[in-house]
Amino acid sequence: MKSKITEAKNKHKEMIEQVNEELKHIPRGDESQNLLRGYYQPLRLNSLGKKAKPNITKEDILLESIEAVKKDYPEYIPQYDTKFFMVKDK
């Protein structure tokens, strides 16, 4: 039987691996594009944690991250894999 600490470490590792896989679909780029990646990673990790709100999707986190970037870069046009992130038009 695994200890709760080992289980928690494994869960955290799985979450990091998942987010890193998702980040492969948000390319690096200029400052604003890299800022998108910078917002996405911790927000997504939080959305997967044990205190997460239910039913938060990777698309929800992407949109939240884009909104945050646009506060500093209003003309920002995000780059991401539209086949991976199924974002509905607003």
PDB file of N, CA and C in Angstrom:
ATOM      1  N   MET A   1       0.841  -1.195   0.000  1.00  0.00           N
ATOM      2  CA  MET A   1       0.000   0.000   0.000  1.00  0.00           C
ATOM      3  C   MET A   1       0.882   1.253   0.000  1.00  0.00           C
ATOM      4  N   LYS A   2       0.595   2.153  -0.903  1.00  0.00           N
ATOM      5  CA  LYS A   2       1.373   3.381  -1.007  1.00  0.00           C
ATOM      6  C   LYS A   2       0.994   4.333   0.117  1.00  0.00           C
ATOM      7  N   SER A   3       1.972   5.089   0.545  1.00  0.00           N
ATOM      8  CA  SER A   3       1.678   6.100   1.556  1.00  0.00           C
ATOM      9  C   SER A   3       0.972   7.283   0.893  1.00  0.00           C
ATOM     10  N   LYS A   4       0.301   8.064   1.697  1.00  0.00           N
ATOM     11  CA  LYS A   4      -0.400   9.240   1.168  1.00  0.00           C
ATOM     12  C   LYS A   4       0.586  10.237   0.576  1.00  0.00           C
ATOM     13  N   ILE A   5       1.772  10.330   1.142  1.00  0.00           N
ATOM     14  CA  ILE A   5       2.789  11.243   0.614  1.00  0.00           C
ATOM     15  C   ILE A   5       3.239  10.790  -0.764  1.00  0.00           C
ATOM     16  N   THR A   6       3.475   9.499  -0.913  1.00  0.00           N
ATOM     17  CA  THR A   6       3.882   8.963  -2.215  1.00  0.00           C
ATOM     18  C   THR A   6       2.781   9.177  -3.244  1.00  0.00           C
ATOM     19  N   GLU A   7       1.547   8.945  -2.844  1.00  0.00           N
ATOM     20  CA  GLU A   7       0.419   9.161  -3.749  1.00  0.00           C
ATOM     21  C   GLU A   7       0.327  10.623  -4.172  1.00  0.00           C
ATOM     22  N   ALA A   8       0.513  11.532  -3.230  1.00  0.00           N
ATOM     23  CA  ALA A   8       0.451  12.961  -3.536  1.00  0.00           C
ATOM     24  C   ALA A   8       1.577  13.362  -4.482  1.00  0.00           C
ATOM     25  N   LYS A   9       2.774  12.838  -4.244  1.00  0.00           N
ATOM     26  CA  LYS A   9       3.909  13.142  -5.124  1.00  0.00           C
ATOM     27  C   LYS A   9       3.651  12.620  -6.529  1.00  0.00           C
ATOM     28  N   ASN A  10       3.105  11.423  -6.627  1.00  0.00           N
ATOM     29  CA  ASN A  10       2.802  10.849  -7.939  1.00  0.00           C
ATOM     30  C   ASN A  10       1.726  11.663  -8.658  1.00  0.00           C
ATOM     31  N   LYS A  11       0.717  12.089  -7.925  1.00  0.00           N
ATOM     32  CA  LYS A  11      -0.352  12.906  -8.511  1.00  0.00           C
ATOM     33  C   LYS A  11       0.218  14.222  -9.026  1.00  0.00           C
ATOM     34  N   HIS A  12       1.083  14.852  -8.226  1.00  0.00           N
ATOM     35  CA  HIS A  12       1.689  16.124  -8.624  1.00  0.00           C
ATOM     36  C   HIS A  12       2.545  15.933  -9.873  1.00  0.00           C
ATOM     37  N   LYS A  13       3.301  14.859  -9.905  1.00  0.00           N
ATOM     38  CA  LYS A  13       4.136  14.564 -11.074  1.00  0.00           C
ATOM     39  C   LYS A  13       3.267  14.368 -12.316  1.00  0.00           C
ATOM     40  N   GLU A  14       2.165  13.649 -12.176  1.00  0.00           N
ATOM     41  CA  GLU A  14       1.239  13.435 -13.294  1.00  0.00           C
ATOM     42  C   GLU A  14       0.653  14.759 -13.778  1.00  0.00           C
ATOM     43  N   MET A  15       0.311  15.636 -12.849  1.00  0.00           N
ATOM     44  CA  MET A  15      -0.236  16.938 -13.218  1.00  0.00           C
ATOM     45  C   MET A  15       0.786  17.749 -14.005  1.00  0.00           C
ATOM     46  N   ILE A  16       2.024  17.761 -13.541  1.00  0.00           N
ATOM     47  CA  ILE A  16       3.084  18.501 -14.232  1.00  0.00           C
ATOM     48  C   ILE A  16       3.298  17.939 -15.630  1.00  0.00           C
ATOM     49  N   GLU A  17       3.313  16.620 -15.746  1.00  0.00           N
ATOM     50  CA  GLU A  17       3.480  15.992 -17.062  1.00  0.00           C
ATOM     51  C   GLU A  17       2.327  16.368 -17.987  1.00  0.00           C
ATOM     52  N   GLN A  18       1.113  16.373 -17.473  1.00  0.00           N
ATOM     53  CA  GLN A  18      -0.051  16.736 -18.285  1.00  0.00           C
ATOM     54  C   GLN A  18       0.061  18.177 -18.778  1.00  0.00           C
ATOM     55  N   VAL A  19       0.399  19.085 -17.874  1.00  0.00           N
ATOM     56  CA  VAL A  19       0.499  20.496 -18.249  1.00  0.00           C
ATOM     57  C   VAL A  19       1.639  20.705 -19.241  1.00  0.00           C
ATOM     58  N   ASN A  20       2.753  20.023 -19.045  1.00  0.00           N
ATOM     59  CA  ASN A  20       3.862  20.137 -19.996  1.00  0.00           C
ATOM     60  C   ASN A  20       3.455  19.643 -21.381  1.00  0.00           C
ATOM     61  N   GLU A  21       2.657  18.585 -21.440  1.00  0.00           N
ATOM     62  CA  GLU A  21       2.145  18.101 -22.733  1.00  0.00           C
ATOM     63  C   GLU A  21       1.228  19.151 -23.363  1.00  0.00           C
ATOM     64  N   GLU A  22       0.384  19.764 -22.556  1.00  0.00           N
ATOM     65  CA  GLU A  22      -0.520  20.799 -23.065  1.00  0.00           C
ATOM     66  C   GLU A  22       0.263  22.007 -23.565  1.00  0.00           C
ATOM     67  N   LEU A  23       1.344  22.362 -22.867  1.00  0.00           N
ATOM     68  CA  LEU A  23       2.157  23.511 -23.274  1.00  0.00           C
ATOM     69  C   LEU A  23       2.815  23.302 -24.633  1.00  0.00           C
ATOM     70  N   LYS A  24       2.957  22.065 -25.055  1.00  0.00           N
ATOM     71  CA  LYS A  24       3.507  21.800 -26.390  1.00  0.00           C
ATOM     72  C   LYS A  24       2.585  22.350 -27.475  1.00  0.00           C
ATOM     73  N   HIS A  25       1.344  22.628 -27.124  1.00  0.00           N
ATOM     74  CA  HIS A  25       0.359  23.138 -28.075  1.00  0.00           C
ATOM     75  C   HIS A  25       0.201  24.656 -27.988  1.00  0.00           C
ATOM     76  N   ILE A  26       1.039  25.283 -27.163  1.00  0.00           N
ATOM     77  CA  ILE A  26       1.109  26.746 -27.078  1.00  0.00           C
ATOM     78  C   ILE A  26       2.569  27.093 -27.369  1.00  0.00           C
ATOM     79  N   PRO A  27       2.869  27.516 -28.587  1.00  0.00           N
ATOM     80  CA  PRO A  27       4.273  27.719 -28.958  1.00  0.00           C
ATOM     81  C   PRO A  27       4.921  28.886 -28.220  1.00  0.00           C
ATOM     82  N   ARG A  28       6.223  28.796 -28.090  1.00  0.00           N
ATOM     83  CA  ARG A  28       6.998  29.925 -27.583  1.00  0.00           C
ATOM     84  C   ARG A  28       6.995  31.004 -28.660  1.00  0.00           C
ATOM     85  N   GLY A  29       7.296  32.219 -28.266  1.00  0.00           N
ATOM     86  CA  GLY A  29       7.312  33.306 -29.242  1.00  0.00           C
ATOM     87  C   GLY A  29       7.869  34.573 -28.640  1.00  0.00           C
ATOM     88  N   ASP A  30       7.222  35.685 -28.983  1.00  0.00           N
ATOM     89  CA  ASP A  30       7.667  36.966 -28.448  1.00  0.00           C
ATOM     90  C   ASP A  30       7.249  37.074 -26.976  1.00  0.00           C
ATOM     91  N   GLU A  31       7.493  38.239 -26.406  1.00  0.00           N
ATOM     92  CA  GLU A  31       7.232  38.431 -24.974  1.00  0.00           C
ATOM     93  C   GLU A  31       5.783  38.126 -24.596  1.00  0.00           C
ATOM     94  N   SER A  32       4.848  38.604 -25.389  1.00  0.00           N
ATOM     95  CA  SER A  32       3.440  38.384 -25.050  1.00  0.00           C
ATOM     96  C   SER A  32       3.046  36.910 -25.189  1.00  0.00           C
ATOM     97  N   GLN A  33       3.592  36.235 -26.181  1.00  0.00           N
ATOM     98  CA  GLN A  33       3.295  34.811 -26.362  1.00  0.00           C
ATOM     99  C   GLN A  33       3.878  33.990 -25.210  1.00  0.00           C
ATOM    100  N   ASN A  34       5.082  34.338 -24.804  1.00  0.00           N
ATOM    101  CA  ASN A  34       5.697  33.635 -23.675  1.00  0.00           C
ATOM    102  C   ASN A  34       4.961  33.935 -22.375  1.00  0.00           C
ATOM    103  N   LEU A  35       4.398  35.134 -22.290  1.00  0.00           N
ATOM    104  CA  LEU A  35       3.596  35.482 -21.121  1.00  0.00           C
ATOM    105  C   LEU A  35       2.350  34.596 -21.052  1.00  0.00           C
ATOM    106  N   LEU A  36       1.763  34.307 -22.207  1.00  0.00           N
ATOM    107  CA  LEU A  36       0.621  33.388 -22.251  1.00  0.00           C
ATOM    108  C   LEU A  36       0.999  32.045 -21.639  1.00  0.00           C
ATOM    109  N   ARG A  37       2.131  31.518 -22.041  1.00  0.00           N
ATOM    110  CA  ARG A  37       2.608  30.250 -21.489  1.00  0.00           C
ATOM    111  C   ARG A  37       2.848  30.381 -19.984  1.00  0.00           C
ATOM    112  N   GLY A  38       3.383  31.531 -19.587  1.00  0.00           N
ATOM    113  CA  GLY A  38       3.660  31.773 -18.173  1.00  0.00           C
ATOM    114  C   GLY A  38       2.402  31.840 -17.321  1.00  0.00           C
ATOM    115  N   TYR A  39       1.337  32.380 -17.861  1.00  0.00           N
ATOM    116  CA  TYR A  39       0.062  32.396 -17.145  1.00  0.00           C
ATOM    117  C   TYR A  39      -0.580  31.015 -17.150  1.00  0.00           C
ATOM    118  N   TYR A  40      -0.516  30.349 -18.291  1.00  0.00           N
ATOM    119  CA  TYR A  40      -1.221  29.081 -18.453  1.00  0.00           C
ATOM    120  C   TYR A  40      -0.741  28.023 -17.456  1.00  0.00           C
ATOM    121  N   GLN A  41       0.568  27.890 -17.315  1.00  0.00           N
ATOM    122  CA  GLN A  41       1.111  26.785 -16.517  1.00  0.00           C
ATOM    123  C   GLN A  41       0.601  26.770 -15.070  1.00  0.00           C
ATOM    124  N   PRO A  42       0.778  27.830 -14.294  1.00  0.00           N
ATOM    125  CA  PRO A  42       0.301  27.742 -12.900  1.00  0.00           C
ATOM    126  C   PRO A  42      -1.223  27.703 -12.782  1.00  0.00           C
ATOM    127  N   LEU A  43      -1.908  28.422 -13.681  1.00  0.00           N
ATOM    128  CA  LEU A  43      -3.374  28.374 -13.632  1.00  0.00           C
ATOM    129  C   LEU A  43      -3.882  26.970 -13.912  1.00  0.00           C
ATOM    130  N   ARG A  44      -3.261  26.307 -14.870  1.00  0.00           N
ATOM    131  CA  ARG A  44      -3.691  24.947 -15.214  1.00  0.00           C
ATOM    132  C   ARG A  44      -3.365  23.975 -14.090  1.00  0.00           C
ATOM    133  N   LEU A  45      -2.183  24.112 -13.497  1.00  0.00           N
ATOM    134  CA  LEU A  45      -1.844  23.237 -12.369  1.00  0.00           C
ATOM    135  C   LEU A  45      -2.860  23.409 -11.241  1.00  0.00           C
ATOM    136  N   ASN A  46      -3.218  24.658 -10.955  1.00  0.00           N
ATOM    137  CA  ASN A  46      -4.220  24.902  -9.912  1.00  0.00           C
ATOM    138  C   ASN A  46      -5.564  24.293 -10.280  1.00  0.00           C
ATOM    139  N   SER A  47      -5.897  24.314 -11.561  1.00  0.00           N
ATOM    140  CA  SER A  47      -7.189  23.768 -11.994  1.00  0.00           C
ATOM    141  C   SER A  47      -7.241  22.251 -11.878  1.00  0.00           C
ATOM    142  N   LEU A  48      -6.092  21.624 -11.778  1.00  0.00           N
ATOM    143  CA  LEU A  48      -6.028  20.167 -11.655  1.00  0.00           C
ATOM    144  C   LEU A  48      -5.840  19.701 -10.212  1.00  0.00           C
ATOM    145  N   GLY A  49      -5.536  20.628  -9.317  1.00  0.00           N
ATOM    146  CA  GLY A  49      -5.249  20.284  -7.931  1.00  0.00           C
ATOM    147  C   GLY A  49      -6.484  19.867  -7.151  1.00  0.00           C
ATOM    148  N   LYS A  50      -6.254  19.451  -5.915  1.00  0.00           N
ATOM    149  CA  LYS A  50      -7.368  18.919  -5.117  1.00  0.00           C
ATOM    150  C   LYS A  50      -8.357  19.997  -4.672  1.00  0.00           C
ATOM    151  N   LYS A  51      -7.959  21.264  -4.719  1.00  0.00           N
ATOM    152  CA  LYS A  51      -8.881  22.349  -4.365  1.00  0.00           C
ATOM    153  C   LYS A  51      -9.491  22.992  -5.610  1.00  0.00           C
ATOM    154  N   ALA A  52      -9.369  22.324  -6.733  1.00  0.00           N
ATOM    155  CA  ALA A  52      -9.843  22.875  -8.005  1.00  0.00           C
ATOM    156  C   ALA A  52     -11.363  22.942  -8.062  1.00  0.00           C
ATOM    157  N   LYS A  53     -11.843  23.930  -8.806  1.00  0.00           N
ATOM    158  CA  LYS A  53     -13.278  23.999  -9.080  1.00  0.00           C
ATOM    159  C   LYS A  53     -13.606  22.905 -10.087  1.00  0.00           C
ATOM    160  N   PRO A  54     -14.746  22.270  -9.948  1.00  0.00           N
ATOM    161  CA  PRO A  54     -15.091  21.191 -10.889  1.00  0.00           C
ATOM    162  C   PRO A  54     -15.368  21.720 -12.294  1.00  0.00           C
ATOM    163  N   ASN A  55     -15.103  20.870 -13.268  1.00  0.00           N
ATOM    164  CA  ASN A  55     -15.433  21.125 -14.671  1.00  0.00           C
ATOM    165  C   ASN A  55     -14.672  22.279 -15.319  1.00  0.00           C
ATOM    166  N   ILE A  56     -13.494  22.607 -14.825  1.00  0.00           N
ATOM    167  CA  ILE A  56     -12.655  23.618 -15.468  1.00  0.00           C
ATOM    168  C   ILE A  56     -11.820  22.901 -16.523  1.00  0.00           C
ATOM    169  N   THR A  57     -11.916  23.356 -17.755  1.00  0.00           N
ATOM    170  CA  THR A  57     -11.210  22.693 -18.852  1.00  0.00           C
ATOM    171  C   THR A  57      -9.924  23.425 -19.207  1.00  0.00           C
ATOM    172  N   LYS A  58      -9.106  22.765 -19.989  1.00  0.00           N
ATOM    173  CA  LYS A  58      -7.884  23.406 -20.475  1.00  0.00           C
ATOM    174  C   LYS A  58      -8.231  24.627 -21.322  1.00  0.00           C
ATOM    175  N   GLU A  59      -9.366  24.574 -22.016  1.00  0.00           N
ATOM    176  CA  GLU A  59      -9.808  25.714 -22.815  1.00  0.00           C
ATOM    177  C   GLU A  59     -10.191  26.898 -21.923  1.00  0.00           C
ATOM    178  N   ASP A  60     -10.835  26.620 -20.802  1.00  0.00           N
ATOM    179  CA  ASP A  60     -11.174  27.682 -19.850  1.00  0.00           C
ATOM    180  C   ASP A  60      -9.910  28.377 -19.361  1.00  0.00           C
ATOM    181  N   ILE A  61      -8.904  27.587 -19.051  1.00  0.00           N
ATOM    182  CA  ILE A  61      -7.641  28.137 -18.557  1.00  0.00           C
ATOM    183  C   ILE A  61      -6.939  28.924 -19.653  1.00  0.00           C
ATOM    184  N   LEU A  62      -6.973  28.421 -20.878  1.00  0.00           N
ATOM    185  CA  LEU A  62      -6.365  29.145 -21.995  1.00  0.00           C
ATOM    186  C   LEU A  62      -7.031  30.505 -22.164  1.00  0.00           C
ATOM    187  N   LEU A  63      -8.352  30.545 -22.156  1.00  0.00           N
ATOM    188  CA  LEU A  63      -9.069  31.815 -22.310  1.00  0.00           C
ATOM    189  C   LEU A  63      -8.761  32.780 -21.169  1.00  0.00           C
ATOM    190  N   GLU A  64      -8.687  32.267 -19.960  1.00  0.00           N
ATOM    191  CA  GLU A  64      -8.334  33.103 -18.804  1.00  0.00           C
ATOM    192  C   GLU A  64      -6.925  33.665 -18.971  1.00  0.00           C
ATOM    193  N   SER A  65      -6.016  32.852 -19.468  1.00  0.00           N
ATOM    194  CA  SER A  65      -4.632  33.277 -19.684  1.00  0.00           C
ATOM    195  C   SER A  65      -4.550  34.334 -20.780  1.00  0.00           C
ATOM    196  N   ILE A  66      -5.302  34.142 -21.847  1.00  0.00           N
ATOM    197  CA  ILE A  66      -5.320  35.117 -22.945  1.00  0.00           C
ATOM    198  C   ILE A  66      -5.841  36.462 -22.442  1.00  0.00           C
ATOM    199  N   GLU A  67      -6.906  36.440 -21.654  1.00  0.00           N
ATOM    200  CA  GLU A  67      -7.452  37.680 -21.089  1.00  0.00           C
ATOM    201  C   GLU A  67      -6.414  38.397 -20.237  1.00  0.00           C
ATOM    202  N   ALA A  68      -5.650  37.648 -19.462  1.00  0.00           N
ATOM    203  CA  ALA A  68      -4.618  38.245 -18.612  1.00  0.00           C
ATOM    204  C   ALA A  68      -3.532  38.904 -19.462  1.00  0.00           C
ATOM    205  N   VAL A  69      -3.120  38.251 -20.536  1.00  0.00           N
ATOM    206  CA  VAL A  69      -2.093  38.821 -21.417  1.00  0.00           C
ATOM    207  C   VAL A  69      -2.619  40.093 -22.077  1.00  0.00           C
ATOM    208  N   LYS A  70      -3.877  40.078 -22.486  1.00  0.00           N
ATOM    209  CA  LYS A  70      -4.449  41.225 -23.195  1.00  0.00           C
ATOM    210  C   LYS A  70      -4.584  42.464 -22.315  1.00  0.00           C
ATOM    211  N   LYS A  71      -4.504  42.300 -21.008  1.00  0.00           N
ATOM    212  CA  LYS A  71      -4.511  43.470 -20.127  1.00  0.00           C
ATOM    213  C   LYS A  71      -3.267  44.316 -20.359  1.00  0.00           C
ATOM    214  N   ASP A  72      -2.135  43.656 -20.621  1.00  0.00           N
ATOM    215  CA  ASP A  72      -0.881  44.367 -20.890  1.00  0.00           C
ATOM    216  C   ASP A  72      -0.624  44.559 -22.379  1.00  0.00           C
ATOM    217  N   TYR A  73      -1.178  43.685 -23.196  1.00  0.00           N
ATOM    218  CA  TYR A  73      -0.972  43.715 -24.647  1.00  0.00           C
ATOM    219  C   TYR A  73      -2.338  43.635 -25.336  1.00  0.00           C
ATOM    220  N   PRO A  74      -3.075  44.758 -25.397  1.00  0.00           N
ATOM    221  CA  PRO A  74      -4.441  44.729 -25.928  1.00  0.00           C
ATOM    222  C   PRO A  74      -4.554  44.221 -27.370  1.00  0.00           C
ATOM    223  N   GLU A  75      -3.520  44.389 -28.154  1.00  0.00           N
ATOM    224  CA  GLU A  75      -3.551  43.965 -29.561  1.00  0.00           C
ATOM    225  C   GLU A  75      -3.057  42.532 -29.747  1.00  0.00           C
ATOM    226  N   TYR A  76      -2.783  41.854 -28.666  1.00  0.00           N
ATOM    227  CA  TYR A  76      -2.210  40.505 -28.715  1.00  0.00           C
ATOM    228  C   TYR A  76      -3.114  39.530 -29.462  1.00  0.00           C
ATOM    229  N   ILE A  77      -2.501  38.780 -30.364  1.00  0.00           N
ATOM    230  CA  ILE A  77      -3.193  37.701 -31.074  1.00  0.00           C
ATOM    231  C   ILE A  77      -2.542  36.396 -30.633  1.00  0.00           C
ATOM    232  N   PRO A  78      -3.244  35.603 -29.837  1.00  0.00           N
ATOM    233  CA  PRO A  78      -2.641  34.387 -29.288  1.00  0.00           C
ATOM    234  C   PRO A  78      -2.390  33.327 -30.353  1.00  0.00           C
ATOM    235  N   GLN A  79      -1.335  32.581 -30.134  1.00  0.00           N
ATOM    236  CA  GLN A  79      -1.006  31.452 -30.994  1.00  0.00           C
ATOM    237  C   GLN A  79      -1.128  30.182 -30.166  1.00  0.00           C
ATOM    238  N   TYR A  80      -1.926  29.259 -30.647  1.00  0.00           N
ATOM    239  CA  TYR A  80      -2.089  27.966 -29.990  1.00  0.00           C
ATOM    240  C   TYR A  80      -2.680  26.996 -30.999  1.00  0.00           C
ATOM    241  N   ASP A  81      -2.573  25.735 -30.703  1.00  0.00           N
ATOM    242  CA  ASP A  81      -3.074  24.668 -31.569  1.00  0.00           C
ATOM    243  C   ASP A  81      -4.599  24.608 -31.449  1.00  0.00           C
ATOM    244  N   THR A  82      -5.278  25.068 -32.495  1.00  0.00           N
ATOM    245  CA  THR A  82      -6.739  25.136 -32.450  1.00  0.00           C
ATOM    246  C   THR A  82      -7.399  23.763 -32.564  1.00  0.00           C
ATOM    247  N   LYS A  83      -6.646  22.770 -32.952  1.00  0.00           N
ATOM    248  CA  LYS A  83      -7.202  21.410 -32.978  1.00  0.00           C
ATOM    249  C   LYS A  83      -7.124  20.763 -31.600  1.00  0.00           C
ATOM    250  N   PHE A  84      -6.168  21.209 -30.807  1.00  0.00           N
ATOM    251  CA  PHE A  84      -6.005  20.673 -29.454  1.00  0.00           C
ATOM    252  C   PHE A  84      -6.895  21.433 -28.467  1.00  0.00           C
ATOM    253  N   PHE A  85      -6.884  22.757 -28.563  1.00  0.00           N
ATOM    254  CA  PHE A  85      -7.717  23.599 -27.706  1.00  0.00           C
ATOM    255  C   PHE A  85      -8.981  23.933 -28.486  1.00  0.00           C
ATOM    256  N   MET A  86     -10.056  23.303 -28.132  1.00  0.00           N
ATOM    257  CA  MET A  86     -11.328  23.477 -28.842  1.00  0.00           C
ATOM    258  C   MET A  86     -12.077  24.671 -28.251  1.00  0.00           C
ATOM    259  N   VAL A  87     -11.598  25.869 -28.574  1.00  0.00           N
ATOM    260  CA  VAL A  87     -12.170  27.098 -28.034  1.00  0.00           C
ATOM    261  C   VAL A  87     -13.334  27.528 -28.914  1.00  0.00           C
ATOM    262  N   LYS A  88     -14.470  27.749 -28.276  1.00  0.00           N
ATOM    263  CA  LYS A  88     -15.650  28.219 -29.003  1.00  0.00           C
ATOM    264  C   LYS A  88     -15.552  29.723 -29.170  1.00  0.00           C
ATOM    265  N   ASP A  89     -16.006  30.220 -30.302  1.00  0.00           N
ATOM    266  CA  ASP A  89     -16.020  31.666 -30.534  1.00  0.00           C
ATOM    267  C   ASP A  89     -16.936  32.321 -29.520  1.00  0.00           C
ATOM    268  N   LYS A  90     -16.471  33.458 -29.022  1.00  0.00           N
ATOM    269  CA  LYS A  90     -17.283  34.198 -28.042  1.00  0.00           C
ATOM    270  C   LYS A  90     -18.350  34.998 -28.737  1.00  0.00           C
TER     271      LYS A  90
END
